[in-house]
N, C-alpha and C. Protein backbone atom coordinates (compact mmCIF):
# COMPACT_ATOMS: atom_id res chain seq x y z
N MET A 1 114.58 -20.23 -19.05
CA MET A 1 114.45 -21.47 -19.79
C MET A 1 114.72 -21.19 -21.26
N ALA A 2 115.50 -22.07 -21.86
CA ALA A 2 115.89 -21.86 -23.25
C ALA A 2 114.73 -22.16 -24.19
N HIS A 3 114.61 -21.34 -25.23
CA HIS A 3 113.57 -21.56 -26.23
C HIS A 3 114.13 -22.17 -27.50
N LYS A 4 115.41 -22.48 -27.50
CA LYS A 4 116.05 -23.06 -28.67
C LYS A 4 116.94 -24.21 -28.22
N LYS A 5 116.94 -25.28 -29.01
CA LYS A 5 117.81 -26.41 -28.65
C LYS A 5 119.26 -26.01 -28.86
N ALA A 6 120.13 -26.59 -28.07
CA ALA A 6 121.57 -26.34 -28.23
C ALA A 6 122.03 -26.90 -29.56
N ALA A 7 122.97 -26.23 -30.19
CA ALA A 7 123.51 -26.68 -31.47
C ALA A 7 124.48 -27.82 -31.21
N GLY A 8 123.96 -29.03 -31.27
CA GLY A 8 124.78 -30.20 -30.98
C GLY A 8 125.51 -30.72 -32.21
N LYS A 9 126.05 -31.91 -32.08
CA LYS A 9 126.83 -32.51 -33.17
C LYS A 9 125.97 -32.83 -34.39
N THR A 10 124.70 -33.14 -34.20
CA THR A 10 123.87 -33.51 -35.35
C THR A 10 123.63 -32.32 -36.28
N THR A 11 123.58 -31.13 -35.73
CA THR A 11 123.36 -29.95 -36.58
C THR A 11 124.67 -29.49 -37.22
N GLN A 12 125.81 -29.93 -36.71
CA GLN A 12 127.10 -29.51 -37.25
C GLN A 12 127.69 -30.53 -38.21
N ARG A 13 126.92 -31.53 -38.59
CA ARG A 13 127.42 -32.60 -39.44
C ARG A 13 127.74 -32.09 -40.84
N THR A 14 128.83 -32.60 -41.42
CA THR A 14 129.19 -32.19 -42.77
C THR A 14 128.29 -32.92 -43.78
N PRO A 15 127.95 -32.28 -44.88
CA PRO A 15 127.11 -32.93 -45.88
C PRO A 15 127.81 -34.15 -46.49
N VAL A 16 127.06 -35.22 -46.68
CA VAL A 16 127.60 -36.47 -47.23
C VAL A 16 127.00 -36.68 -48.61
N ARG A 17 127.84 -37.03 -49.58
CA ARG A 17 127.38 -37.27 -50.93
C ARG A 17 126.57 -38.55 -51.01
N GLY A 18 125.63 -38.59 -51.97
CA GLY A 18 124.87 -39.80 -52.22
C GLY A 18 125.77 -40.87 -52.83
N LYS A 19 125.34 -42.12 -52.74
CA LYS A 19 126.18 -43.22 -53.19
C LYS A 19 125.96 -43.60 -54.65
N ARG A 20 125.11 -42.89 -55.37
CA ARG A 20 124.86 -43.13 -56.80
C ARG A 20 124.35 -44.54 -57.06
N LEU A 21 123.39 -44.97 -56.26
CA LEU A 21 122.79 -46.29 -56.42
C LEU A 21 121.69 -46.24 -57.48
N GLY A 22 121.24 -47.41 -57.91
CA GLY A 22 120.11 -47.49 -58.83
C GLY A 22 120.48 -48.14 -60.14
N LEU A 23 119.51 -48.11 -61.06
CA LEU A 23 119.69 -48.73 -62.36
C LEU A 23 120.62 -47.90 -63.23
N LYS A 24 121.54 -48.57 -63.88
CA LYS A 24 122.47 -47.91 -64.81
C LYS A 24 122.11 -48.25 -66.26
N ILE A 25 121.57 -49.45 -66.49
CA ILE A 25 121.10 -49.86 -67.82
C ILE A 25 119.67 -50.36 -67.65
N PHE A 26 118.75 -49.85 -68.45
CA PHE A 26 117.34 -50.18 -68.31
C PHE A 26 116.95 -51.33 -69.22
N GLY A 27 115.75 -51.87 -69.02
CA GLY A 27 115.24 -52.97 -69.83
C GLY A 27 115.13 -52.60 -71.29
N GLY A 28 115.56 -53.50 -72.18
CA GLY A 28 115.53 -53.25 -73.60
C GLY A 28 116.79 -52.62 -74.14
N GLN A 29 117.67 -52.15 -73.27
CA GLN A 29 118.93 -51.55 -73.71
C GLN A 29 120.00 -52.63 -73.84
N LYS A 30 121.02 -52.33 -74.63
CA LYS A 30 122.12 -53.27 -74.85
C LYS A 30 123.16 -53.12 -73.76
N ALA A 31 123.65 -54.28 -73.26
CA ALA A 31 124.72 -54.29 -72.27
C ALA A 31 125.87 -55.11 -72.81
N ASN A 32 127.08 -54.60 -72.66
CA ASN A 32 128.27 -55.34 -73.04
C ASN A 32 128.77 -56.13 -71.84
N SER A 33 129.64 -57.08 -72.08
CA SER A 33 130.20 -57.89 -71.01
C SER A 33 130.95 -57.00 -70.02
N GLY A 34 130.65 -57.14 -68.74
CA GLY A 34 131.29 -56.35 -67.70
C GLY A 34 130.56 -55.07 -67.33
N ASN A 35 129.53 -54.70 -68.08
CA ASN A 35 128.77 -53.48 -67.78
C ASN A 35 127.96 -53.66 -66.49
N ILE A 36 127.96 -52.63 -65.66
CA ILE A 36 127.14 -52.63 -64.45
C ILE A 36 125.70 -52.32 -64.84
N ILE A 37 124.77 -53.15 -64.38
CA ILE A 37 123.36 -52.96 -64.70
C ILE A 37 122.65 -52.24 -63.57
N VAL A 38 122.90 -52.66 -62.33
CA VAL A 38 122.27 -52.01 -61.18
C VAL A 38 123.23 -52.02 -59.99
N ARG A 39 123.25 -50.90 -59.26
CA ARG A 39 123.99 -50.81 -57.99
C ARG A 39 122.95 -50.71 -56.90
N GLN A 40 123.05 -51.56 -55.89
CA GLN A 40 121.98 -51.65 -54.90
C GLN A 40 122.53 -52.03 -53.53
N ARG A 41 121.72 -51.84 -52.52
CA ARG A 41 122.01 -52.29 -51.16
C ARG A 41 121.07 -53.45 -50.88
N GLY A 42 121.61 -54.63 -50.73
CA GLY A 42 120.76 -55.81 -50.58
C GLY A 42 120.30 -56.29 -51.93
N THR A 43 119.51 -57.37 -51.94
CA THR A 43 119.08 -57.96 -53.21
C THR A 43 117.66 -57.54 -53.56
N LYS A 44 117.50 -56.30 -53.99
CA LYS A 44 116.21 -55.86 -54.53
C LYS A 44 115.99 -56.58 -55.86
N PHE A 45 117.07 -56.70 -56.65
CA PHE A 45 117.07 -57.47 -57.89
C PHE A 45 118.04 -58.64 -57.72
N HIS A 46 117.69 -59.79 -58.30
CA HIS A 46 118.53 -60.97 -58.24
C HIS A 46 119.14 -61.22 -59.62
N PRO A 47 120.34 -61.83 -59.68
CA PRO A 47 120.95 -62.11 -60.98
C PRO A 47 120.27 -63.28 -61.67
N GLY A 48 120.06 -63.15 -62.97
CA GLY A 48 119.48 -64.22 -63.78
C GLY A 48 120.50 -64.72 -64.78
N ILE A 49 120.02 -65.18 -65.92
CA ILE A 49 120.89 -65.71 -66.97
C ILE A 49 121.72 -64.57 -67.57
N GLY A 50 123.02 -64.78 -67.68
CA GLY A 50 123.91 -63.79 -68.29
C GLY A 50 124.36 -62.69 -67.36
N THR A 51 124.06 -62.80 -66.05
CA THR A 51 124.47 -61.78 -65.08
C THR A 51 125.07 -62.46 -63.85
N LYS A 52 125.85 -61.69 -63.11
CA LYS A 52 126.40 -62.15 -61.85
C LYS A 52 126.25 -61.04 -60.83
N ILE A 53 126.42 -61.40 -59.55
CA ILE A 53 126.29 -60.42 -58.47
C ILE A 53 127.63 -60.23 -57.79
N GLY A 54 127.97 -58.97 -57.52
CA GLY A 54 129.24 -58.64 -56.88
C GLY A 54 129.12 -58.68 -55.36
N ARG A 55 130.22 -58.44 -54.70
CA ARG A 55 130.29 -58.50 -53.24
C ARG A 55 129.41 -57.44 -52.57
N ASP A 56 129.24 -56.30 -53.26
CA ASP A 56 128.40 -55.23 -52.72
C ASP A 56 127.02 -55.22 -53.38
N PHE A 57 126.56 -56.40 -53.86
CA PHE A 57 125.24 -56.62 -54.46
C PHE A 57 125.08 -55.93 -55.82
N THR A 58 126.17 -55.49 -56.44
CA THR A 58 126.12 -54.92 -57.78
C THR A 58 125.87 -56.05 -58.78
N ILE A 59 124.90 -55.87 -59.66
CA ILE A 59 124.63 -56.86 -60.70
C ILE A 59 125.25 -56.36 -62.00
N TYR A 60 126.05 -57.23 -62.64
CA TYR A 60 126.74 -56.87 -63.86
C TYR A 60 126.59 -57.96 -64.91
N ALA A 61 126.75 -57.59 -66.17
CA ALA A 61 126.60 -58.52 -67.29
C ALA A 61 127.88 -59.32 -67.47
N ILE A 62 127.72 -60.63 -67.77
CA ILE A 62 128.89 -61.47 -68.07
C ILE A 62 128.95 -61.81 -69.55
N LYS A 63 127.93 -61.39 -70.30
CA LYS A 63 127.94 -61.54 -71.76
C LYS A 63 127.18 -60.37 -72.36
N SER A 64 127.41 -60.12 -73.62
CA SER A 64 126.73 -59.02 -74.31
C SER A 64 125.32 -59.44 -74.70
N GLY A 65 124.39 -58.49 -74.68
CA GLY A 65 123.02 -58.77 -75.07
C GLY A 65 122.07 -57.70 -74.59
N ILE A 66 120.77 -58.01 -74.67
CA ILE A 66 119.71 -57.07 -74.28
C ILE A 66 119.29 -57.37 -72.84
N VAL A 67 119.17 -56.32 -72.03
CA VAL A 67 118.77 -56.45 -70.63
C VAL A 67 117.26 -56.66 -70.55
N LYS A 68 116.86 -57.62 -69.72
CA LYS A 68 115.45 -57.92 -69.54
C LYS A 68 115.16 -58.12 -68.05
N PHE A 69 114.04 -57.56 -67.57
CA PHE A 69 113.63 -57.71 -66.18
C PHE A 69 112.48 -58.72 -66.11
N ILE A 70 112.62 -59.74 -65.28
CA ILE A 70 111.63 -60.82 -65.17
C ILE A 70 111.23 -60.95 -63.70
N THR A 71 109.94 -61.20 -63.46
CA THR A 71 109.47 -61.46 -62.09
C THR A 71 108.95 -62.89 -62.03
N LYS A 72 109.53 -63.70 -61.13
CA LYS A 72 109.11 -65.08 -60.91
C LYS A 72 108.84 -65.25 -59.42
N ARG A 73 107.61 -65.66 -59.09
CA ARG A 73 107.22 -65.90 -57.70
C ARG A 73 107.51 -64.71 -56.80
N GLY A 74 107.31 -63.51 -57.33
CA GLY A 74 107.50 -62.29 -56.55
C GLY A 74 108.95 -61.84 -56.41
N ILE A 75 109.88 -62.53 -57.07
CA ILE A 75 111.30 -62.15 -57.01
C ILE A 75 111.68 -61.57 -58.36
N LYS A 76 112.33 -60.39 -58.34
CA LYS A 76 112.72 -59.71 -59.57
C LYS A 76 114.11 -60.18 -59.99
N TYR A 77 114.21 -60.64 -61.25
CA TYR A 77 115.47 -61.11 -61.81
C TYR A 77 115.85 -60.21 -62.98
N ILE A 78 117.18 -60.08 -63.18
CA ILE A 78 117.70 -59.36 -64.33
C ILE A 78 118.45 -60.36 -65.19
N THR A 79 118.11 -60.42 -66.47
CA THR A 79 118.78 -61.33 -67.40
C THR A 79 119.35 -60.56 -68.58
N VAL A 80 120.38 -61.13 -69.20
CA VAL A 80 120.96 -60.57 -70.42
C VAL A 80 120.98 -61.69 -71.45
N ASN A 81 120.24 -61.53 -72.54
CA ASN A 81 120.20 -62.52 -73.61
C ASN A 81 120.70 -61.93 -74.90
């Protein structure tokens, strides 16, 4: 009886790079028009005033200003004023 599992496909998998998700510009920092503020999977953050959401849920600034994080009714919004 074998005392070791067979080396299957899961153990031979090639390493995969991370997708570099997360906040790129933090609250209180300046964002220019077109700057990416957060890269995410799903809507952890929602777009507020001065921001838009991309097809892959990336939130980016549509005008220059200071980034601010606001919570309304348990939903987190990102605004640029």
